Amino acid sequence: MDETPVWFDMAGNMTVNNKGDKTVHIRTTGNDKNHFTGKQLPRGEVIPKGVICWFQDNGWMTSDLMKNYIDFLFRIRMSENLSKESAMIVYDSFRGHLEESVKIKFKQHNFHLAIISAGLTSVCQPLDVSINKPFKDNLRKEWHEWMSRGGSGVTAAGNLKRARISDVCGWVKRSWDAVSDQIIFNSFKKCSISNLLDGSEDDMVYEEIDKLIAEYEKENLEEFDDDVEIVSN
């Protein structure tokens, strides 16, 4: 498991503009540095089905949230009659993961912990290695489509309103659902977490995951919405 930040604005790092222009303007709501924080969902908003939303004042994963997460995982395992089977959690050495109360709770629910040493998440963390990039690409696509539809309207002063939390939760849900099961499956093998112990999968998996990511990036470069028009002034 891992955490990754999500912002209210997610403009990409590419645009279409005249060659030689010294300034390129990108329209946003001005919330590209703002994460979700708070104590409760704003009135009138509904979280999409399939999304679990917990709040923390500073937007950080804490030991209390980790324990909520463990209880959530345990309920899933109970519903599938797996609660007595051993399971393994792989995560990094962030301090909120390593507090003794968190490790004790994992042990109580029959989870074994595999801690990734500092500096090695780019090699050993499946989300960092293969999954987060297509997920974030999907999120940016959701944001661009939301902006092209007018976003959440404008304030009395004429400024663009930021997206609602429920909107962004919808982006997260659709973006995650769009990440293929095969990329997730192979990313664990690329990190040598679920490989066969005889070594027969090691070389094959490196080639397969790189191929899948290359195909995904090619599809994204070639895909344009029918309503998009590129204009050169």
C-alpha atoms as a PDB file:
ATOM      1  CA  MET A   1       0.000   0.000   0.000  1.00  0.00           C
ATOM      2  CA  ASP A   2       1.022   3.608  -0.497  1.00  0.00           C
ATOM      3  CA  GLU A   3      -0.306   7.155  -0.374  1.00  0.00           C
ATOM      4  CA  THR A   4      -0.229   9.630  -3.244  1.00  0.00           C
ATOM      5  CA  PRO A   5      -1.394  13.274  -3.235  1.00  0.00           C
ATOM      6  CA  VAL A   6      -4.339  14.485  -5.303  1.00  0.00           C
ATOM      7  CA  TRP A   7      -4.887  18.187  -6.008  1.00  0.00           C
ATOM      8  CA  PHE A   8      -7.970  20.171  -6.950  1.00  0.00           C
ATOM      9  CA  ASP A   9      -6.165  21.353 -10.124  1.00  0.00           C
ATOM     10  CA  MET A  10      -4.095  18.943 -12.215  1.00  0.00           C
ATOM     11  CA  ALA A  11      -2.942  20.783 -15.317  1.00  0.00           C
ATOM     12  CA  GLY A  12      -0.477  18.777 -17.390  1.00  0.00           C
ATOM     13  CA  ASN A  13       3.067  19.759 -18.319  1.00  0.00           C
ATOM     14  CA  MET A  14       2.340  20.006 -22.050  1.00  0.00           C
ATOM     15  CA  THR A  15       0.257  22.454 -24.085  1.00  0.00           C
ATOM     16  CA  VAL A  16      -0.283  23.543 -27.696  1.00  0.00           C
ATOM     17  CA  ASN A  17       0.985  27.070 -28.345  1.00  0.00           C
ATOM     18  CA  ASN A  18       2.705  29.204 -30.971  1.00  0.00           C
ATOM     19  CA  LYS A  19       6.417  28.544 -31.277  1.00  0.00           C
ATOM     20  CA  GLY A  20       8.443  31.352 -29.757  1.00  0.00           C
ATOM     21  CA  ASP A  21       5.784  32.620 -27.342  1.00  0.00           C
ATOM     22  CA  LYS A  22       7.467  33.831 -24.165  1.00  0.00           C
ATOM     23  CA  THR A  23       4.415  33.323 -21.975  1.00  0.00           C
ATOM     24  CA  VAL A  24       2.004  30.388 -22.056  1.00  0.00           C
ATOM     25  CA  HIS A  25      -1.184  30.880 -20.071  1.00  0.00           C
ATOM     26  CA  ILE A  26      -2.886  27.831 -18.549  1.00  0.00           C
ATOM     27  CA  ARG A  27      -6.398  28.187 -17.201  1.00  0.00           C
ATOM     28  CA  THR A  28      -6.889  26.677 -13.737  1.00  0.00           C
ATOM     29  CA  THR A  29      -8.963  27.435 -10.649  1.00  0.00           C
ATOM     30  CA  GLY A  30      -5.818  28.459  -8.739  1.00  0.00           C
ATOM     31  CA  ASN A  31      -5.933  25.397  -6.487  1.00  0.00           C
ATOM     32  CA  ASP A  32      -3.054  23.391  -7.945  1.00  0.00           C
ATOM     33  CA  LYS A  33      -1.285  23.368  -4.537  1.00  0.00           C
ATOM     34  CA  ASN A  34      -4.343  22.570  -2.442  1.00  0.00           C
ATOM     35  CA  HIS A  35      -4.950  19.024  -1.158  1.00  0.00           C
ATOM     36  CA  PHE A  36      -8.028  17.669   0.565  1.00  0.00           C
ATOM     37  CA  THR A  37      -8.110  18.693   4.218  1.00  0.00           C
ATOM     38  CA  GLY A  38     -10.892  19.094   6.754  1.00  0.00           C
ATOM     39  CA  LYS A  39     -13.009  17.258   9.298  1.00  0.00           C
ATOM     40  CA  GLN A  40     -16.115  16.383   7.302  1.00  0.00           C
ATOM     41  CA  LEU A  41     -17.672  16.344   3.870  1.00  0.00           C
ATOM     42  CA  PRO A  42     -19.215  19.703   2.888  1.00  0.00           C
ATOM     43  CA  ARG A  43     -22.994  19.842   3.059  1.00  0.00           C
ATOM     44  CA  GLY A  44     -24.786  18.582  -0.036  1.00  0.00           C
ATOM     45  CA  GLU A  45     -21.887  16.516  -1.370  1.00  0.00           C
ATOM     46  CA  VAL A  46     -22.129  12.762  -1.832  1.00  0.00           C
ATOM     47  CA  ILE A  47     -19.095  10.471  -2.185  1.00  0.00           C
ATOM     48  CA  PRO A  48     -19.406   8.144  -5.215  1.00  0.00           C
ATOM     49  CA  LYS A  49     -20.036   4.487  -4.519  1.00  0.00           C
ATOM     50  CA  GLY A  50     -16.783   2.534  -4.329  1.00  0.00           C
ATOM     51  CA  VAL A  51     -14.774   5.363  -2.725  1.00  0.00           C
ATOM     52  CA  ILE A  52     -13.839   5.411   0.967  1.00  0.00           C
ATOM     53  CA  CYS A  53     -13.280   8.956   2.253  1.00  0.00           C
ATOM     54  CA  TRP A  54     -11.594   9.707   5.606  1.00  0.00           C
ATOM     55  CA  PHE A  55     -10.570  13.194   6.715  1.00  0.00           C
ATOM     56  CA  GLN A  56      -7.440  14.506   8.386  1.00  0.00           C
ATOM     57  CA  ASP A  57      -6.872  18.189   9.171  1.00  0.00           C
ATOM     58  CA  ASN A  58      -3.461  18.422   7.495  1.00  0.00           C
ATOM     59  CA  GLY A  59      -3.978  15.871   4.718  1.00  0.00           C
ATOM     60  CA  TRP A  60      -1.401  13.431   6.148  1.00  0.00           C
ATOM     61  CA  MET A  61      -1.591   9.698   6.775  1.00  0.00           C
ATOM     62  CA  THR A  62      -1.430   9.253  10.553  1.00  0.00           C
ATOM     63  CA  SER A  63      -1.313   6.225  12.814  1.00  0.00           C
ATOM     64  CA  ASP A  64      -5.041   6.669  13.562  1.00  0.00           C
ATOM     65  CA  LEU A  65      -5.873   6.605   9.845  1.00  0.00           C
ATOM     66  CA  MET A  66      -3.619   3.585   9.410  1.00  0.00           C
ATOM     67  CA  LYS A  67      -5.587   1.740  12.086  1.00  0.00           C
ATOM     68  CA  ASN A  68      -8.831   2.677  10.329  1.00  0.00           C
ATOM     69  CA  TYR A  69      -7.322   1.261   7.147  1.00  0.00           C
ATOM     70  CA  ILE A  70      -6.375  -2.005   8.891  1.00  0.00           C
ATOM     71  CA  ASP A  71      -9.934  -2.390  10.198  1.00  0.00           C
ATOM     72  CA  PHE A  72     -11.241  -1.735   6.679  1.00  0.00           C
ATOM     73  CA  LEU A  73      -8.960  -4.423   5.217  1.00  0.00           C
ATOM     74  CA  PHE A  74      -9.940  -6.853   7.943  1.00  0.00           C
ATOM     75  CA  ARG A  75     -13.655  -6.379   7.216  1.00  0.00           C
ATOM     76  CA  ILE A  76     -13.015  -7.167   3.559  1.00  0.00           C
ATOM     77  CA  ARG A  77     -11.079 -10.305   4.504  1.00  0.00           C
ATOM     78  CA  MET A  78     -13.859 -11.319   6.920  1.00  0.00           C
ATOM     79  CA  SER A  79     -16.471 -10.967   4.168  1.00  0.00           C
ATOM     80  CA  GLU A  80     -14.406 -13.276   1.933  1.00  0.00           C
ATOM     81  CA  ASN A  81     -13.669 -15.814   4.707  1.00  0.00           C
ATOM     82  CA  LEU A  82      -9.965 -15.001   4.596  1.00  0.00           C
ATOM     83  CA  SER A  83      -9.527 -13.533   8.065  1.00  0.00           C
ATOM     84  CA  LYS A  84      -7.623 -16.588   9.359  1.00  0.00           C
ATOM     85  CA  GLU A  85      -5.311 -16.718   6.327  1.00  0.00           C
ATOM     86  CA  SER A  86      -1.968 -14.940   6.551  1.00  0.00           C
ATOM     87  CA  ALA A  87      -1.508 -11.862   4.385  1.00  0.00           C
ATOM     88  CA  MET A  88       1.406  -9.573   3.632  1.00  0.00           C
ATOM     89  CA  ILE A  89       1.403  -5.772   3.496  1.00  0.00           C
ATOM     90  CA  VAL A  90       4.248  -4.092   1.603  1.00  0.00           C
ATOM     91  CA  TYR A  91       4.799  -0.404   2.320  1.00  0.00           C
ATOM     92  CA  ASP A  92       7.514   2.206   2.825  1.00  0.00           C
ATOM     93  CA  SER A  93       9.157   3.413   6.020  1.00  0.00           C
ATOM     94  CA  PHE A  94       7.005   6.528   6.507  1.00  0.00           C
ATOM     95  CA  ARG A  95       6.734   7.183  10.253  1.00  0.00           C
ATOM     96  CA  GLY A  96       2.926   6.820  10.275  1.00  0.00           C
ATOM     97  CA  HIS A  97       3.377   3.239   9.022  1.00  0.00           C
ATOM     98  CA  LEU A  98       5.923   2.252  11.641  1.00  0.00           C
ATOM     99  CA  GLU A  99       4.366   3.289  14.932  1.00  0.00           C
ATOM    100  CA  GLU A 100       4.206   0.362  17.326  1.00  0.00           C
ATOM    101  CA  SER A 101       0.423   0.593  17.716  1.00  0.00           C
ATOM    102  CA  VAL A 102       0.037   0.179  13.936  1.00  0.00           C
ATOM    103  CA  LYS A 103       2.358  -2.827  13.782  1.00  0.00           C
ATOM    104  CA  ILE A 104       0.556  -4.461  16.721  1.00  0.00           C
ATOM    105  CA  LYS A 105      -2.829  -3.994  15.048  1.00  0.00           C
ATOM    106  CA  PHE A 106      -1.554  -5.537  11.813  1.00  0.00           C
ATOM    107  CA  LYS A 107      -0.257  -8.514  13.775  1.00  0.00           C
ATOM    108  CA  GLN A 108      -3.592  -8.919  15.583  1.00  0.00           C
ATOM    109  CA  HIS A 109      -5.330  -9.226  12.217  1.00  0.00           C
ATOM    110  CA  ASN A 110      -2.824 -11.761  10.852  1.00  0.00           C
ATOM    111  CA  PHE A 111      -0.903  -9.418   8.538  1.00  0.00           C
ATOM    112  CA  HIS A 112       2.834  -9.799   8.010  1.00  0.00           C
ATOM    113  CA  LEU A 113       4.724  -6.592   7.254  1.00  0.00           C
ATOM    114  CA  ALA A 114       7.385  -6.076   4.578  1.00  0.00           C
ATOM    115  CA  ILE A 115       8.950  -2.638   5.025  1.00  0.00           C
ATOM    116  CA  ILE A 116      10.665  -1.003   2.038  1.00  0.00           C
ATOM    117  CA  SER A 117      13.860   0.719   3.134  1.00  0.00           C
ATOM    118  CA  ALA A 118      14.258   4.454   2.535  1.00  0.00           C
ATOM    119  CA  GLY A 119      15.393   5.283  -0.989  1.00  0.00           C
ATOM    120  CA  LEU A 120      14.179   2.017  -2.526  1.00  0.00           C
ATOM    121  CA  THR A 121      10.510   2.740  -3.281  1.00  0.00           C
ATOM    122  CA  SER A 122      11.316   3.481  -6.929  1.00  0.00           C
ATOM    123  CA  VAL A 123      12.521  -0.127  -7.207  1.00  0.00           C
ATOM    124  CA  CYS A 124      10.419  -2.068  -4.687  1.00  0.00           C
ATOM    125  CA  GLN A 125       7.084  -0.200  -4.432  1.00  0.00           C
ATOM    126  CA  PRO A 126       4.606  -1.388  -7.133  1.00  0.00           C
ATOM    127  CA  LEU A 127       2.666   1.873  -7.087  1.00  0.00           C
ATOM    128  CA  ASP A 128       5.787   3.974  -7.647  1.00  0.00           C
ATOM    129  CA  VAL A 129       7.240   1.594 -10.222  1.00  0.00           C
ATOM    130  CA  SER A 130       4.298   1.099 -12.564  1.00  0.00           C
ATOM    131  CA  ILE A 131       0.872   2.071 -11.260  1.00  0.00           C
ATOM    132  CA  ASN A 132       0.899   5.721 -10.182  1.00  0.00           C
ATOM    133  CA  LYS A 133       1.855   7.113 -13.595  1.00  0.00           C
ATOM    134  CA  PRO A 134      -1.134   5.771 -15.564  1.00  0.00           C
ATOM    135  CA  PHE A 135      -3.361   6.597 -12.579  1.00  0.00           C
ATOM    136  CA  LYS A 136      -2.171  10.237 -12.502  1.00  0.00           C
ATOM    137  CA  ASP A 137      -2.425  10.474 -16.309  1.00  0.00           C
ATOM    138  CA  ASN A 138      -6.054   9.377 -16.023  1.00  0.00           C
ATOM    139  CA  LEU A 139      -6.648  11.965 -13.297  1.00  0.00           C
ATOM    140  CA  ARG A 140      -5.301  14.777 -15.478  1.00  0.00           C
ATOM    141  CA  LYS A 141      -7.571  13.636 -18.295  1.00  0.00           C
ATOM    142  CA  GLU A 142     -10.549  13.768 -15.913  1.00  0.00           C
ATOM    143  CA  TRP A 143      -9.570  17.280 -14.807  1.00  0.00           C
ATOM    144  CA  HIS A 144      -9.179  18.542 -18.392  1.00  0.00           C
ATOM    145  CA  GLU A 145     -12.581  17.139 -19.349  1.00  0.00           C
ATOM    146  CA  TRP A 146     -14.130  18.738 -16.234  1.00  0.00           C
ATOM    147  CA  MET A 147     -12.562  22.105 -17.125  1.00  0.00           C
ATOM    148  CA  SER A 148     -13.732  21.858 -20.744  1.00  0.00           C
ATOM    149  CA  ARG A 149     -17.312  21.422 -19.472  1.00  0.00           C
ATOM    150  CA  GLY A 150     -17.080  24.634 -17.449  1.00  0.00           C
ATOM    151  CA  GLY A 151     -15.933  23.197 -14.137  1.00  0.00           C
ATOM    152  CA  SER A 152     -17.981  24.304 -11.128  1.00  0.00           C
ATOM    153  CA  GLY A 153     -18.798  27.730 -12.511  1.00  0.00           C
ATOM    154  CA  VAL A 154     -17.482  31.085 -11.301  1.00  0.00           C
ATOM    155  CA  THR A 155     -17.598  33.101  -8.098  1.00  0.00           C
ATOM    156  CA  ALA A 156     -19.305  36.499  -7.750  1.00  0.00           C
ATOM    157  CA  ALA A 157     -15.912  38.053  -8.511  1.00  0.00           C
ATOM    158  CA  GLY A 158     -15.634  36.076 -11.755  1.00  0.00           C
ATOM    159  CA  ASN A 159     -12.989  33.610 -10.564  1.00  0.00           C
ATOM    160  CA  LEU A 160     -13.274  29.913 -11.342  1.00  0.00           C
ATOM    161  CA  LYS A 161     -14.599  27.822  -8.460  1.00  0.00           C
ATOM    162  CA  ARG A 162     -12.512  24.858  -7.379  1.00  0.00           C
ATOM    163  CA  ALA A 163     -13.788  21.334  -7.867  1.00  0.00           C
ATOM    164  CA  ARG A 164     -15.958  19.821  -5.164  1.00  0.00           C
ATOM    165  CA  ILE A 165     -14.520  16.988  -3.097  1.00  0.00           C
ATOM    166  CA  SER A 166     -17.194  14.663  -4.481  1.00  0.00           C
ATOM    167  CA  ASP A 167     -16.129  15.611  -8.035  1.00  0.00           C
ATOM    168  CA  VAL A 168     -12.497  14.752  -7.350  1.00  0.00           C
ATOM    169  CA  CYS A 169     -13.502  11.484  -5.669  1.00  0.00           C
ATOM    170  CA  GLY A 170     -15.304  10.622  -8.905  1.00  0.00           C
ATOM    171  CA  TRP A 171     -12.131  11.387 -10.865  1.00  0.00           C
ATOM    172  CA  VAL A 172     -10.156   9.135  -8.519  1.00  0.00           C
ATOM    173  CA  LYS A 173     -12.652   6.277  -8.854  1.00  0.00           C
ATOM    174  CA  ARG A 174     -12.797   6.382 -12.676  1.00  0.00           C
ATOM    175  CA  SER A 175      -9.025   6.890 -12.966  1.00  0.00           C
ATOM    176  CA  TRP A 176      -8.302   3.883 -10.772  1.00  0.00           C
ATOM    177  CA  ASP A 177     -10.848   1.702 -12.570  1.00  0.00           C
ATOM    178  CA  ALA A 178      -9.124   2.586 -15.865  1.00  0.00           C
ATOM    179  CA  VAL A 179      -5.765   1.143 -14.694  1.00  0.00           C
ATOM    180  CA  SER A 180      -5.657  -2.373 -16.113  1.00  0.00           C
ATOM    181  CA  ASP A 181      -5.510  -5.396 -13.822  1.00  0.00           C
ATOM    182  CA  GLN A 182      -2.552  -6.629 -15.858  1.00  0.00           C
ATOM    183  CA  ILE A 183      -0.452  -3.560 -15.037  1.00  0.00           C
ATOM    184  CA  ILE A 184      -1.187  -4.043 -11.323  1.00  0.00           C
ATOM    185  CA  PHE A 185      -0.508  -7.786 -11.495  1.00  0.00           C
ATOM    186  CA  ASN A 186       2.776  -7.344 -13.341  1.00  0.00           C
ATOM    187  CA  SER A 187       3.949  -4.442 -11.209  1.00  0.00           C
ATOM    188  CA  PHE A 188       4.080  -6.749  -8.178  1.00  0.00           C
ATOM    189  CA  LYS A 189       6.162  -9.175 -10.178  1.00  0.00           C
ATOM    190  CA  LYS A 190       8.457  -6.423 -11.416  1.00  0.00           C
ATOM    191  CA  CYS A 191       9.131  -5.593  -7.764  1.00  0.00           C
ATOM    192  CA  SER A 192       9.774  -9.315  -7.067  1.00  0.00           C
ATOM    193  CA  ILE A 193       6.910  -9.526  -4.573  1.00  0.00           C
ATOM    194  CA  SER A 194       4.768 -12.280  -6.121  1.00  0.00           C
ATOM    195  CA  ASN A 195       7.231 -13.992  -8.471  1.00  0.00           C
ATOM    196  CA  LEU A 196       7.684 -17.734  -8.609  1.00  0.00           C
ATOM    197  CA  LEU A 197      10.576 -18.641  -6.354  1.00  0.00           C
ATOM    198  CA  ASP A 198      12.351 -20.676  -9.056  1.00  0.00           C
ATOM    199  CA  GLY A 199      13.268 -17.444 -10.910  1.00  0.00           C
ATOM    200  CA  SER A 200      11.457 -18.434 -14.090  1.00  0.00           C
ATOM    201  CA  GLU A 201       9.410 -15.216 -14.225  1.00  0.00           C
ATOM    202  CA  ASP A 202      12.114 -12.666 -13.496  1.00  0.00           C
ATOM    203  CA  ASP A 203      13.309 -11.726 -17.002  1.00  0.00           C
ATOM    204  CA  MET A 204       9.891 -12.144 -18.624  1.00  0.00           C
ATOM    205  CA  VAL A 205       8.134  -9.733 -16.281  1.00  0.00           C
ATOM    206  CA  TYR A 206      10.525  -6.846 -16.858  1.00  0.00           C
ATOM    207  CA  GLU A 207       9.847  -7.046 -20.567  1.00  0.00           C
ATOM    208  CA  GLU A 208       6.075  -7.436 -20.141  1.00  0.00           C
ATOM    209  CA  ILE A 209       5.500  -4.483 -17.782  1.00  0.00           C
ATOM    210  CA  ASP A 210       7.611  -2.144 -19.933  1.00  0.00           C
ATOM    211  CA  LYS A 211       5.592  -3.224 -22.975  1.00  0.00           C
ATOM    212  CA  LEU A 212       2.273  -2.563 -21.210  1.00  0.00           C
ATOM    213  CA  ILE A 213       3.314   0.912 -20.070  1.00  0.00           C
ATOM    214  CA  ALA A 214       4.630   1.791 -23.553  1.00  0.00           C
ATOM    215  CA  GLU A 215       1.325   0.710 -25.109  1.00  0.00           C
ATOM    216  CA  TYR A 216      -0.633   2.733 -22.549  1.00  0.00           C
ATOM    217  CA  GLU A 217       1.424   5.891 -23.210  1.00  0.00           C
ATOM    218  CA  LYS A 218       1.029   5.459 -26.982  1.00  0.00           C
ATOM    219  CA  GLU A 219      -2.752   5.174 -26.635  1.00  0.00           C
ATOM    220  CA  ASN A 220      -2.869   8.360 -24.550  1.00  0.00           C
ATOM    221  CA  LEU A 221      -0.809  10.317 -27.058  1.00  0.00           C
ATOM    222  CA  GLU A 222      -3.028   9.202 -29.935  1.00  0.00           C
ATOM    223  CA  GLU A 223      -6.342   9.705 -28.132  1.00  0.00           C
ATOM    224  CA  PHE A 224      -8.104  13.046 -28.631  1.00  0.00           C
ATOM    225  CA  ASP A 225     -11.682  13.834 -27.682  1.00  0.00           C
ATOM    226  CA  ASP A 226     -13.927  14.547 -30.671  1.00  0.00           C
ATOM    227  CA  ASP A 227     -14.717  17.983 -29.225  1.00  0.00           C
ATOM    228  CA  VAL A 228     -11.054  19.051 -28.998  1.00  0.00           C
ATOM    229  CA  GLU A 229      -9.811  21.445 -31.641  1.00  0.00           C
ATOM    230  CA  ILE A 230      -6.178  22.561 -31.930  1.00  0.00           C
ATOM    231  CA  VAL A 231      -5.995  26.129 -33.258  1.00  0.00           C
ATOM    232  CA  SER A 232      -2.886  27.956 -34.471  1.00  0.00           C
ATOM    233  CA  ASN A 233      -3.195  31.738 -34.428  1.00  0.00           C
END
